[in-house]
Every structure is written in structure tokens, then in C-alpha cells.
């Protein structure tokens, strides 16, 4: 499994952007680029190409329109498993969301 796959899977079931993936790889491997343009080309060509390959293989889901100018690429690990309601509740609360439960009682 590639480092990119591991990063995306660790964010599951949430999403992660191409830039966030690139930042993690940049920090993990202490990469050095001569310019911001060089780093951008690396992100778009190397990371972007691998993300598109993972998408074609059905391992990740693209959550943005392809070739969207000015829109961050968003990705999510593809899972056939449906998260439990407890897991979804914990994720919502961790992100600062509110949860309200309604009980349906038979009349």
C-alpha cells in the first residue's frame, strides 16, 4: 500500500484534500523544493496522478468535479462498509456538530 493510500485511509470515513495529503508527505519525508511552483508541480503531477490511479482502481472516491479550477481536490477512502450510527455520531460530535435523537413510540 502506498503512503498516499495510508493517508487517505487514515482519514476515513472522512475526506481529505490533495493539499493535505501533499503536506503530510512533505513533512513525513522532509522534502525540499527549490520553489513554490516546483512544489505545486510535484503535488499536481505526482500526488494528483496517484490519486487518479487510486480512483480508477476503485480504492478512493473523488468528491470534486475533475479539472475544477480553483477548487481543492477532495478524496475519500472507498469502503463498502456502512459506518454504525454510533461511529457517525462520534464523528459529528468530534467535528463540533450537534446530535439530536428522536424516539418514535408506537401509539
PDB file of N, CA and C in Angstrom:
ATOM      1  N   UNK A   1       0.856  -1.169   0.000  1.00  0.00           N
ATOM      2  CA  UNK A   1       0.000   0.000   0.000  1.00  0.00           C
ATOM      3  C   UNK A   1       0.903   1.233   0.000  1.00  0.00           C
ATOM      4  N   UNK A   2       0.536   2.215  -0.761  1.00  0.00           N
ATOM      5  CA  UNK A   2       1.335   3.433  -0.857  1.00  0.00           C
ATOM      6  C   UNK A   2       1.082   4.357   0.335  1.00  0.00           C
ATOM      7  N   UNK A   3       1.991   5.269   0.543  1.00  0.00           N
ATOM      8  CA  UNK A   3       1.841   6.253   1.609  1.00  0.00           C
ATOM      9  C   UNK A   3       0.570   7.066   1.400  1.00  0.00           C
ATOM     10  N   UNK A   4       0.283   7.417   0.164  1.00  0.00           N
ATOM     11  CA  UNK A   4      -0.923   8.190  -0.141  1.00  0.00           C
ATOM     12  C   UNK A   4      -2.162   7.397   0.257  1.00  0.00           C
ATOM     13  N   UNK A   5      -2.188   6.123  -0.063  1.00  0.00           N
ATOM     14  CA  UNK A   5      -3.326   5.269   0.321  1.00  0.00           C
ATOM     15  C   UNK A   5      -3.487   5.239   1.830  1.00  0.00           C
ATOM     16  N   UNK A   6      -2.372   5.092   2.548  1.00  0.00           N
ATOM     17  CA  UNK A   6      -2.420   5.050   4.005  1.00  0.00           C
ATOM     18  C   UNK A   6      -2.978   6.350   4.584  1.00  0.00           C
ATOM     19  N   UNK A   7      -2.561   7.471   4.015  1.00  0.00           N
ATOM     20  CA  UNK A   7      -3.029   8.778   4.497  1.00  0.00           C
ATOM     21  C   UNK A   7      -4.532   8.915   4.285  1.00  0.00           C
ATOM     22  N   UNK A   8      -4.998   8.546   3.102  1.00  0.00           N
ATOM     23  CA  UNK A   8      -6.432   8.668   2.804  1.00  0.00           C
ATOM     24  C   UNK A   8      -7.235   7.713   3.682  1.00  0.00           C
ATOM     25  N   UNK A   9      -6.754   6.488   3.815  1.00  0.00           N
ATOM     26  CA  UNK A   9      -7.481   5.505   4.621  1.00  0.00           C
ATOM     27  C   UNK A   9      -7.528   5.931   6.089  1.00  0.00           C
ATOM     28  N   UNK A  10      -6.471   6.579   6.573  1.00  0.00           N
ATOM     29  CA  UNK A  10      -6.464   7.011   7.975  1.00  0.00           C
ATOM     30  C   UNK A  10      -7.469   8.137   8.221  1.00  0.00           C
ATOM     31  N   UNK A  11      -7.853   8.853   7.180  1.00  0.00           N
ATOM     32  CA  UNK A  11      -8.849   9.917   7.305  1.00  0.00           C
ATOM     33  C   UNK A  11     -10.276   9.378   7.200  1.00  0.00           C
ATOM     34  N   UNK A  12     -10.420   8.130   6.789  1.00  0.00           N
ATOM     35  CA  UNK A  12     -11.743   7.527   6.574  1.00  0.00           C
ATOM     36  C   UNK A  12     -12.521   7.454   7.875  1.00  0.00           C
ATOM     37  N   UNK A  13     -13.805   7.618   7.831  1.00  0.00           N
ATOM     38  CA  UNK A  13     -14.623   7.775   6.642  1.00  0.00           C
ATOM     39  C   UNK A  13     -14.711   9.222   6.160  1.00  0.00           C
ATOM     40  N   UNK A  14     -13.921  10.097   6.768  1.00  0.00           N
ATOM     41  CA  UNK A  14     -13.918  11.498   6.352  1.00  0.00           C
ATOM     42  C   UNK A  14     -13.168  11.693   5.047  1.00  0.00           C
ATOM     43  N   UNK A  15     -13.111  12.934   4.623  1.00  0.00           N
ATOM     44  CA  UNK A  15     -12.435  13.262   3.374  1.00  0.00           C
ATOM     45  C   UNK A  15     -11.134  13.989   3.668  1.00  0.00           C
ATOM     46  N   UNK A  16     -10.294  14.089   2.651  1.00  0.00           N
ATOM     47  CA  UNK A  16      -9.016  14.783   2.764  1.00  0.00           C
ATOM     48  C   UNK A  16      -8.721  15.437   1.426  1.00  0.00           C
ATOM     49  N   UNK A  17      -8.065  16.578   1.450  1.00  0.00           N
ATOM     50  CA  UNK A  17      -7.766  17.279   0.201  1.00  0.00           C
ATOM     51  C   UNK A  17      -6.403  16.855  -0.336  1.00  0.00           C
ATOM     52  N   UNK A  18      -6.208  17.121  -1.606  1.00  0.00           N
ATOM     53  CA  UNK A  18      -4.917  16.846  -2.237  1.00  0.00           C
ATOM     54  C   UNK A  18      -3.817  17.600  -1.512  1.00  0.00           C
ATOM     55  N   UNK A  19      -4.073  18.852  -1.153  1.00  0.00           N
ATOM     56  CA  UNK A  19      -3.072  19.664  -0.450  1.00  0.00           C
ATOM     57  C   UNK A  19      -2.735  19.084   0.918  1.00  0.00           C
ATOM     58  N   UNK A  20      -3.743  18.592   1.634  1.00  0.00           N
ATOM     59  CA  UNK A  20      -3.487  17.987   2.943  1.00  0.00           C
ATOM     60  C   UNK A  20      -2.630  16.723   2.798  1.00  0.00           C
ATOM     61  N   UNK A  21      -2.891  15.945   1.768  1.00  0.00           N
ATOM     62  CA  UNK A  21      -2.087  14.744   1.511  1.00  0.00           C
ATOM     63  C   UNK A  21      -0.653  15.161   1.204  1.00  0.00           C
ATOM     64  N   UNK A  22      -0.504  16.147   0.323  1.00  0.00           N
ATOM     65  CA  UNK A  22       0.834  16.625  -0.038  1.00  0.00           C
ATOM     66  C   UNK A  22       1.568  17.169   1.185  1.00  0.00           C
ATOM     67  N   UNK A  23       0.880  17.903   2.049  1.00  0.00           N
ATOM     68  CA  UNK A  23       1.507  18.442   3.260  1.00  0.00           C
ATOM     69  C   UNK A  23       2.018  17.326   4.167  1.00  0.00           C
ATOM     70  N   UNK A  24       1.216  16.273   4.313  1.00  0.00           N
ATOM     71  CA  UNK A  24       1.639  15.151   5.158  1.00  0.00           C
ATOM     72  C   UNK A  24       2.866  14.445   4.579  1.00  0.00           C
ATOM     73  N   UNK A  25       2.879  14.247   3.276  1.00  0.00           N
ATOM     74  CA  UNK A  25       4.025  13.596   2.633  1.00  0.00           C
ATOM     75  C   UNK A  25       5.250  14.500   2.721  1.00  0.00           C
ATOM     76  N   UNK A  26       5.046  15.788   2.478  1.00  0.00           N
ATOM     77  CA  UNK A  26       6.130  16.766   2.548  1.00  0.00           C
ATOM     78  C   UNK A  26       6.789  16.729   3.924  1.00  0.00           C
ATOM     79  N   UNK A  27       5.978  16.702   4.979  1.00  0.00           N
ATOM     80  CA  UNK A  27       6.502  16.680   6.344  1.00  0.00           C
ATOM     81  C   UNK A  27       7.120  15.319   6.687  1.00  0.00           C
ATOM     82  N   UNK A  28       6.456  14.251   6.288  1.00  0.00           N
ATOM     83  CA  UNK A  28       6.917  12.901   6.641  1.00  0.00           C
ATOM     84  C   UNK A  28       8.286  12.598   6.044  1.00  0.00           C
ATOM     85  N   UNK A  29       8.483  13.001   4.792  1.00  0.00           N
ATOM     86  CA  UNK A  29       9.736  12.683   4.106  1.00  0.00           C
ATOM     87  C   UNK A  29      10.691  13.868   4.039  1.00  0.00           C
ATOM     88  N   UNK A  30      10.326  14.970   4.679  1.00  0.00           N
ATOM     89  CA  UNK A  30      11.149  16.178   4.727  1.00  0.00           C
ATOM     90  C   UNK A  30      11.645  16.578   3.340  1.00  0.00           C
ATOM     91  N   UNK A  31      10.704  16.664   2.421  1.00  0.00           N
ATOM     92  CA  UNK A  31      11.042  17.017   1.045  1.00  0.00           C
ATOM     93  C   UNK A  31      11.410  18.494   0.960  1.00  0.00           C
ATOM     94  N   UNK A  32      12.303  18.802   0.043  1.00  0.00           N
ATOM     95  CA  UNK A  32      12.743  20.180  -0.155  1.00  0.00           C
ATOM     96  C   UNK A  32      12.550  20.531  -1.627  1.00  0.00           C
ATOM     97  N   UNK A  33      11.885  21.639  -1.876  1.00  0.00           N
ATOM     98  CA  UNK A  33      11.632  22.081  -3.243  1.00  0.00           C
ATOM     99  C   UNK A  33      12.281  23.440  -3.449  1.00  0.00           C
ATOM    100  N   UNK A  34      12.824  23.680  -4.643  1.00  0.00           N
ATOM    101  CA  UNK A  34      13.502  24.955  -4.883  1.00  0.00           C
ATOM    102  C   UNK A  34      12.554  26.160  -4.931  1.00  0.00           C
ATOM    103  N   UNK A  35      11.267  25.893  -5.167  1.00  0.00           N
ATOM    104  CA  UNK A  35      10.303  26.994  -5.244  1.00  0.00           C
ATOM    105  C   UNK A  35       8.897  26.483  -4.971  1.00  0.00           C
ATOM    106  N   UNK A  36       7.990  27.428  -4.729  1.00  0.00           N
ATOM    107  CA  UNK A  36       6.584  27.066  -4.535  1.00  0.00           C
ATOM    108  C   UNK A  36       6.010  26.461  -5.819  1.00  0.00           C
ATOM    109  N   UNK A  37       6.455  26.954  -6.967  1.00  0.00           N
ATOM    110  CA  UNK A  37       5.991  26.391  -8.241  1.00  0.00           C
ATOM    111  C   UNK A  37       6.415  24.934  -8.383  1.00  0.00           C
ATOM    112  N   UNK A  38       7.653  24.632  -7.995  1.00  0.00           N
ATOM    113  CA  UNK A  38       8.135  23.252  -8.087  1.00  0.00           C
ATOM    114  C   UNK A  38       7.328  22.341  -7.177  1.00  0.00           C
ATOM    115  N   UNK A  39       6.997  22.838  -5.970  1.00  0.00           N
ATOM    116  CA  UNK A  39       6.181  22.052  -5.043  1.00  0.00           C
ATOM    117  C   UNK A  39       4.778  21.838  -5.627  1.00  0.00           C
ATOM    118  N   UNK A  40       4.222  22.864  -6.247  1.00  0.00           N
ATOM    119  CA  UNK A  40       2.903  22.754  -6.881  1.00  0.00           C
ATOM    120  C   UNK A  40       2.896  21.752  -8.017  1.00  0.00           C
ATOM    121  N   UNK A  41       3.956  21.766  -8.830  1.00  0.00           N
ATOM    122  CA  UNK A  41       4.048  20.793  -9.928  1.00  0.00           C
ATOM    123  C   UNK A  41       4.158  19.375  -9.384  1.00  0.00           C
ATOM    124  N   UNK A  42       4.947  19.201  -8.308  1.00  0.00           N
ATOM    125  CA  UNK A  42       5.063  17.886  -7.673  1.00  0.00           C
ATOM    126  C   UNK A  42       3.702  17.413  -7.169  1.00  0.00           C
ATOM    127  N   UNK A  43       2.977  18.318  -6.472  1.00  0.00           N
ATOM    128  CA  UNK A  43       1.666  17.953  -5.924  1.00  0.00           C
ATOM    129  C   UNK A  43       0.720  17.554  -7.050  1.00  0.00           C
ATOM    130  N   UNK A  44       0.643  18.368  -8.089  1.00  0.00           N
ATOM    131  CA  UNK A  44      -0.307  18.095  -9.177  1.00  0.00           C
ATOM    132  C   UNK A  44       0.074  16.886 -10.005  1.00  0.00           C
ATOM    133  N   UNK A  45       1.364  16.734 -10.296  1.00  0.00           N
ATOM    134  CA  UNK A  45       1.787  15.640 -11.175  1.00  0.00           C
ATOM    135  C   UNK A  45       1.954  14.319 -10.435  1.00  0.00           C
ATOM    136  N   UNK A  46       2.678  14.321  -9.334  1.00  0.00           N
ATOM    137  CA  UNK A  46       2.948  13.065  -8.630  1.00  0.00           C
ATOM    138  C   UNK A  46       1.766  12.619  -7.772  1.00  0.00           C
ATOM    139  N   UNK A  47       1.362  13.471  -6.850  1.00  0.00           N
ATOM    140  CA  UNK A  47       0.262  13.120  -5.956  1.00  0.00           C
ATOM    141  C   UNK A  47      -1.045  13.021  -6.745  1.00  0.00           C
ATOM    142  N   UNK A  48      -1.298  14.002  -7.594  1.00  0.00           N
ATOM    143  CA  UNK A  48      -2.526  14.001  -8.390  1.00  0.00           C
ATOM    144  C   UNK A  48      -2.660  12.776  -9.271  1.00  0.00           C
ATOM    145  N   UNK A  49      -1.575  12.390  -9.911  1.00  0.00           N
ATOM    146  CA  UNK A  49      -1.606  11.202 -10.793  1.00  0.00           C
ATOM    147  C   UNK A  49      -1.904   9.940  -9.985  1.00  0.00           C
ATOM    148  N   UNK A  50      -1.271   9.816  -8.825  1.00  0.00           N
ATOM    149  CA  UNK A  50      -1.518   8.644  -7.987  1.00  0.00           C
ATOM    150  C   UNK A  50      -2.964   8.618  -7.495  1.00  0.00           C
ATOM    151  N   UNK A  51      -3.506   9.774  -7.135  1.00  0.00           N
ATOM    152  CA  UNK A  51      -4.902   9.840  -6.690  1.00  0.00           C
ATOM    153  C   UNK A  51      -5.849   9.415  -7.806  1.00  0.00           C
ATOM    154  N   UNK A  52      -5.580   9.864  -9.010  1.00  0.00           N
ATOM    155  CA  UNK A  52      -6.426   9.470 -10.146  1.00  0.00           C
ATOM    156  C   UNK A  52      -6.335   7.960 -10.396  1.00  0.00           C
ATOM    157  N   UNK A  53      -5.137   7.393 -10.226  1.00  0.00           N
ATOM    158  CA  UNK A  53      -4.962   5.950 -10.388  1.00  0.00           C
ATOM    159  C   UNK A  53      -5.738   5.187  -9.322  1.00  0.00           C
ATOM    160  N   UNK A  54      -5.646   5.648  -8.064  1.00  0.00           N
ATOM    161  CA  UNK A  54      -6.397   5.001  -6.980  1.00  0.00           C
ATOM    162  C   UNK A  54      -7.899   5.089  -7.217  1.00  0.00           C
ATOM    163  N   UNK A  55      -8.335   6.191  -7.795  1.00  0.00           N
ATOM    164  CA  UNK A  55      -9.755   6.383  -8.111  1.00  0.00           C
ATOM    165  C   UNK A  55     -10.186   5.388  -9.202  1.00  0.00           C
ATOM    166  N   UNK A  56      -9.373   5.257 -10.242  1.00  0.00           N
ATOM    167  CA  UNK A  56      -9.690   4.324 -11.326  1.00  0.00           C
ATOM    168  C   UNK A  56      -9.730   2.880 -10.832  1.00  0.00           C
ATOM    169  N   UNK A  57      -8.900   2.574  -9.833  1.00  0.00           N
ATOM    170  CA  UNK A  57      -8.877   1.216  -9.271  1.00  0.00           C
ATOM    171  C   UNK A  57     -10.032   0.985  -8.304  1.00  0.00           C
ATOM    172  N   UNK A  58     -10.804   2.037  -8.005  1.00  0.00           N
ATOM    173  CA  UNK A  58     -11.947   1.895  -7.121  1.00  0.00           C
ATOM    174  C   UNK A  58     -11.600   1.919  -5.643  1.00  0.00           C
ATOM    175  N   UNK A  59     -10.403   2.400  -5.307  1.00  0.00           N
ATOM    176  CA  UNK A  59      -9.987   2.444  -3.903  1.00  0.00           C
ATOM    177  C   UNK A  59     -10.365   3.744  -3.213  1.00  0.00           C
ATOM    178  N   UNK A  60     -10.429   4.828  -3.964  1.00  0.00           N
ATOM    179  CA  UNK A  60     -10.817   6.118  -3.401  1.00  0.00           C
ATOM    180  C   UNK A  60     -11.938   6.720  -4.225  1.00  0.00           C
ATOM    181  N   UNK A  61     -12.670   7.637  -3.599  1.00  0.00           N
ATOM    182  CA  UNK A  61     -13.738   8.350  -4.289  1.00  0.00           C
ATOM    183  C   UNK A  61     -13.312   9.791  -4.491  1.00  0.00           C
ATOM    184  N   UNK A  62     -13.557  10.311  -5.669  1.00  0.00           N
ATOM    185  CA  UNK A  62     -13.325  11.722  -5.964  1.00  0.00           C
ATOM    186  C   UNK A  62     -14.583  12.471  -5.532  1.00  0.00           C
ATOM    187  N   UNK A  63     -14.421  13.487  -4.691  1.00  0.00           N
ATOM    188  CA  UNK A  63     -15.563  14.247  -4.183  1.00  0.00           C
ATOM    189  C   UNK A  63     -15.646  15.635  -4.802  1.00  0.00           C
ATOM    190  N   UNK A  64     -14.943  15.830  -5.887  1.00  0.00           N
ATOM    191  CA  UNK A  64     -14.944  17.112  -6.595  1.00  0.00           C
ATOM    192  C   UNK A  64     -15.049  16.826  -8.088  1.00  0.00           C
ATOM    193  N   UNK A  65     -15.432  17.831  -8.837  1.00  0.00           N
ATOM    194  CA  UNK A  65     -15.503  17.670 -10.283  1.00  0.00           C
ATOM    195  C   UNK A  65     -14.085  17.660 -10.847  1.00  0.00           C
ATOM    196  N   UNK A  66     -13.793  16.736 -11.761  1.00  0.00           N
ATOM    197  CA  UNK A  66     -12.457  16.720 -12.365  1.00  0.00           C
ATOM    198  C   UNK A  66     -12.149  18.044 -13.067  1.00  0.00           C
ATOM    199  N   UNK A  67     -10.896  18.439 -12.973  1.00  0.00           N
ATOM    200  CA  UNK A  67     -10.387  19.648 -13.639  1.00  0.00           C
ATOM    201  C   UNK A  67     -11.120  20.910 -13.200  1.00  0.00           C
ATOM    202  N   UNK A  68     -11.533  20.959 -11.942  1.00  0.00           N
ATOM    203  CA  UNK A  68     -12.195  22.146 -11.398  1.00  0.00           C
ATOM    204  C   UNK A  68     -11.131  23.164 -11.013  1.00  0.00           C
ATOM    205  N   UNK A  69     -11.087  24.261 -11.719  1.00  0.00           N
ATOM    206  CA  UNK A  69     -10.117  25.306 -11.431  1.00  0.00           C
ATOM    207  C   UNK A  69     -10.480  26.022 -10.137  1.00  0.00           C
ATOM    208  N   UNK A  70      -9.498  26.179  -9.266  1.00  0.00           N
ATOM    209  CA  UNK A  70      -9.714  26.918  -8.030  1.00  0.00           C
ATOM    210  C   UNK A  70     -10.465  26.148  -6.958  1.00  0.00           C
ATOM    211  N   UNK A  71     -10.744  24.877  -7.197  1.00  0.00           N
ATOM    212  CA  UNK A  71     -11.455  24.047  -6.229  1.00  0.00           C
ATOM    213  C   UNK A  71     -10.491  22.989  -5.713  1.00  0.00           C
ATOM    214  N   UNK A  72     -10.385  22.882  -4.398  1.00  0.00           N
ATOM    215  CA  UNK A  72      -9.485  21.886  -3.815  1.00  0.00           C
ATOM    216  C   UNK A  72      -9.963  20.479  -4.154  1.00  0.00           C
ATOM    217  N   UNK A  73      -9.031  19.636  -4.554  1.00  0.00           N
ATOM    218  CA  UNK A  73      -9.356  18.235  -4.793  1.00  0.00           C
ATOM    219  C   UNK A  73      -9.669  17.565  -3.466  1.00  0.00           C
ATOM    220  N   UNK A  74     -10.814  16.909  -3.374  1.00  0.00           N
ATOM    221  CA  UNK A  74     -11.235  16.244  -2.139  1.00  0.00           C
ATOM    222  C   UNK A  74     -11.415  14.770  -2.438  1.00  0.00           C
ATOM    223  N   UNK A  75     -10.909  13.930  -1.525  1.00  0.00           N
ATOM    224  CA  UNK A  75     -10.899  12.494  -1.727  1.00  0.00           C
ATOM    225  C   UNK A  75     -11.347  11.780  -0.466  1.00  0.00           C
ATOM    226  N   UNK A  76     -11.852  10.575  -0.651  1.00  0.00           N
ATOM    227  CA  UNK A  76     -12.282   9.763   0.491  1.00  0.00           C
ATOM    228  C   UNK A  76     -11.987   8.300   0.169  1.00  0.00           C
ATOM    229  N   UNK A  77     -11.523   7.565   1.188  1.00  0.00           N
ATOM    230  CA  UNK A  77     -11.285   6.130   1.028  1.00  0.00           C
ATOM    231  C   UNK A  77     -12.622   5.461   0.772  1.00  0.00           C
ATOM    232  N   UNK A  78     -12.673   4.628  -0.230  1.00  0.00           N
ATOM    233  CA  UNK A  78     -13.922   3.963  -0.594  1.00  0.00           C
ATOM    234  C   UNK A  78     -14.086   2.713   0.243  1.00  0.00           C
ATOM    235  N   UNK A  79     -15.210   2.635   0.887  1.00  0.00           N
ATOM    236  CA  UNK A  79     -15.480   1.488   1.743  1.00  0.00           C
ATOM    237  C   UNK A  79     -16.883   0.991   1.472  1.00  0.00           C
ATOM    238  N   UNK A  80     -17.007  -0.314   1.414  1.00  0.00           N
ATOM    239  CA  UNK A  80     -18.331  -0.905   1.237  1.00  0.00           C
ATOM    240  C   UNK A  80     -19.065  -1.001   2.565  1.00  0.00           C
ATOM    241  N   UNK A  81     -18.305  -0.842   3.652  1.00  0.00           N
ATOM    242  CA  UNK A  81     -18.909  -0.934   4.981  1.00  0.00           C
ATOM    243  C   UNK A  81     -19.638   0.357   5.308  1.00  0.00           C
ATOM    244  N   UNK A  82     -20.818   0.224   5.828  1.00  0.00           N
ATOM    245  CA  UNK A  82     -21.590   1.379   6.265  1.00  0.00           C
ATOM    246  C   UNK A  82     -21.261   1.612   7.732  1.00  0.00           C
ATOM    247  N   UNK A  83     -20.776   2.828   8.071  1.00  0.00           N
ATOM    248  CA  UNK A  83     -20.428   3.073   9.471  1.00  0.00           C
ATOM    249  C   UNK A  83     -21.658   2.981  10.367  1.00  0.00           C
ATOM    250  N   UNK A  84     -21.420   2.557  11.602  1.00  0.00           N
ATOM    251  CA  UNK A  84     -22.525   2.453  12.554  1.00  0.00           C
ATOM    252  C   UNK A  84     -23.010   3.852  12.930  1.00  0.00           C
ATOM    253  N   UNK A  85     -24.228   3.918  13.456  1.00  0.00           N
ATOM    254  CA  UNK A  85     -24.767   5.214  13.879  1.00  0.00           C
ATOM    255  C   UNK A  85     -23.945   5.789  15.026  1.00  0.00           C
ATOM    256  N   UNK A  86     -23.400   4.923  15.891  1.00  0.00           N
ATOM    257  CA  UNK A  86     -22.545   5.395  16.983  1.00  0.00           C
ATOM    258  C   UNK A  86     -21.269   6.028  16.427  1.00  0.00           C
ATOM    259  N   UNK A  87     -20.706   5.406  15.393  1.00  0.00           N
ATOM    260  CA  UNK A  87     -19.500   5.950  14.770  1.00  0.00           C
ATOM    261  C   UNK A  87     -19.795   7.308  14.119  1.00  0.00           C
ATOM    262  N   UNK A  88     -20.900   7.397  13.408  1.00  0.00           N
ATOM    263  CA  UNK A  88     -21.276   8.653  12.763  1.00  0.00           C
ATOM    264  C   UNK A  88     -21.537   9.747  13.803  1.00  0.00           C
ATOM    265  N   UNK A  89     -22.169   9.367  14.915  1.00  0.00           N
ATOM    266  CA  UNK A  89     -22.431  10.333  15.988  1.00  0.00           C
ATOM    267  C   UNK A  89     -21.123  10.852  16.580  1.00  0.00           C
ATOM    268  N   UNK A  90     -20.180   9.953  16.840  1.00  0.00           N
ATOM    269  CA  UNK A  90     -18.884  10.346  17.394  1.00  0.00           C
ATOM    270  C   UNK A  90     -18.136  11.265  16.430  1.00  0.00           C
ATOM    271  N   UNK A  91     -18.200  10.952  15.141  1.00  0.00           N
ATOM    272  CA  UNK A  91     -17.535  11.782  14.132  1.00  0.00           C
ATOM    273  C   UNK A  91     -18.171  13.171  14.090  1.00  0.00           C
ATOM    274  N   UNK A  92     -19.483  13.238  14.110  1.00  0.00           N
ATOM    275  CA  UNK A  92     -20.197  14.514  14.087  1.00  0.00           C
ATOM    276  C   UNK A  92     -19.832  15.365  15.296  1.00  0.00           C
ATOM    277  N   UNK A  93     -19.843  14.751  16.472  1.00  0.00           N
ATOM    278  CA  UNK A  93     -19.533  15.484  17.695  1.00  0.00           C
ATOM    279  C   UNK A  93     -18.070  15.920  17.735  1.00  0.00           C
ATOM    280  N   UNK A  94     -17.170  15.105  17.183  1.00  0.00           N
ATOM    281  CA  UNK A  94     -15.752  15.470  17.138  1.00  0.00           C
ATOM    282  C   UNK A  94     -15.524  16.692  16.254  1.00  0.00           C
ATOM    283  N   UNK A  95     -16.388  16.860  15.260  1.00  0.00           N
ATOM    284  CA  UNK A  95     -16.283  17.998  14.356  1.00  0.00           C
ATOM    285  C   UNK A  95     -17.103  19.187  14.844  1.00  0.00           C
ATOM    286  N   UNK A  96     -17.629  19.102  16.073  1.00  0.00           N
ATOM    287  CA  UNK A  96     -18.372  20.216  16.647  1.00  0.00           C
ATOM    288  C   UNK A  96     -19.840  20.252  16.279  1.00  0.00           C
ATOM    289  N   UNK A  97     -20.332  19.210  15.662  1.00  0.00           N
ATOM    290  CA  UNK A  97     -21.738  19.164  15.270  1.00  0.00           C
ATOM    291  C   UNK A  97     -22.632  18.761  16.427  1.00  0.00           C
ATOM    292  N   UNK A  98     -23.879  19.067  16.287  1.00  0.00           N
ATOM    293  CA  UNK A  98     -24.862  18.724  17.322  1.00  0.00           C
ATOM    294  C   UNK A  98     -25.641  17.493  16.868  1.00  0.00           C
ATOM    295  N   UNK A  99     -26.006  16.692  17.829  1.00  0.00           N
ATOM    296  CA  UNK A  99     -26.750  15.472  17.557  1.00  0.00           C
ATOM    297  C   UNK A  99     -28.033  15.507  18.374  1.00  0.00           C
ATOM    298  N   UNK A 100     -29.120  15.211  17.725  1.00  0.00           N
ATOM    299  CA  UNK A 100     -30.391  15.147  18.438  1.00  0.00           C
ATOM    300  C   UNK A 100     -31.090  13.868  18.035  1.00  0.00           C
ATOM    301  N   UNK A 101     -31.527  13.125  19.031  1.00  0.00           N
ATOM    302  CA  UNK A 101     -32.157  11.840  18.769  1.00  0.00           C
ATOM    303  C   UNK A 101     -33.655  11.962  19.000  1.00  0.00           C
ATOM    304  N   UNK A 102     -34.396  11.384  18.103  1.00  0.00           N
ATOM    305  CA  UNK A 102     -35.854  11.342  18.230  1.00  0.00           C
ATOM    306  C   UNK A 102     -36.260   9.889  18.385  1.00  0.00           C
ATOM    307  N   UNK A 103     -37.024   9.634  19.415  1.00  0.00           N
ATOM    308  CA  UNK A 103     -37.530   8.287  19.631  1.00  0.00           C
ATOM    309  C   UNK A 103     -38.942   8.223  19.080  1.00  0.00           C
ATOM    310  N   UNK A 104     -39.187   7.215  18.343  1.00  0.00           N
ATOM    311  CA  UNK A 104     -40.516   7.006  17.787  1.00  0.00           C
ATOM    312  C   UNK A 104     -41.204   5.947  18.642  1.00  0.00           C
ATOM    313  N   UNK A 105     -42.294   6.325  19.225  1.00  0.00           N
ATOM    314  CA  UNK A 105     -43.002   5.356  20.031  1.00  0.00           C
ATOM    315  C   UNK A 105     -44.349   5.030  19.356  1.00  0.00           C
ATOM    316  N   UNK A 106     -44.721   3.773  19.379  1.00  0.00           N
ATOM    317  CA  UNK A 106     -45.972   3.387  18.749  1.00  0.00           C
ATOM    318  C   UNK A 106     -47.152   3.954  19.543  1.00  0.00           C
ATOM    319  N   UNK A 107     -48.148   4.371  18.842  1.00  0.00           N
ATOM    320  CA  UNK A 107     -49.338   4.940  19.514  1.00  0.00           C
ATOM    321  C   UNK A 107     -50.417   3.921  19.657  1.00  0.00           C
TER     322      UNK A 107
END
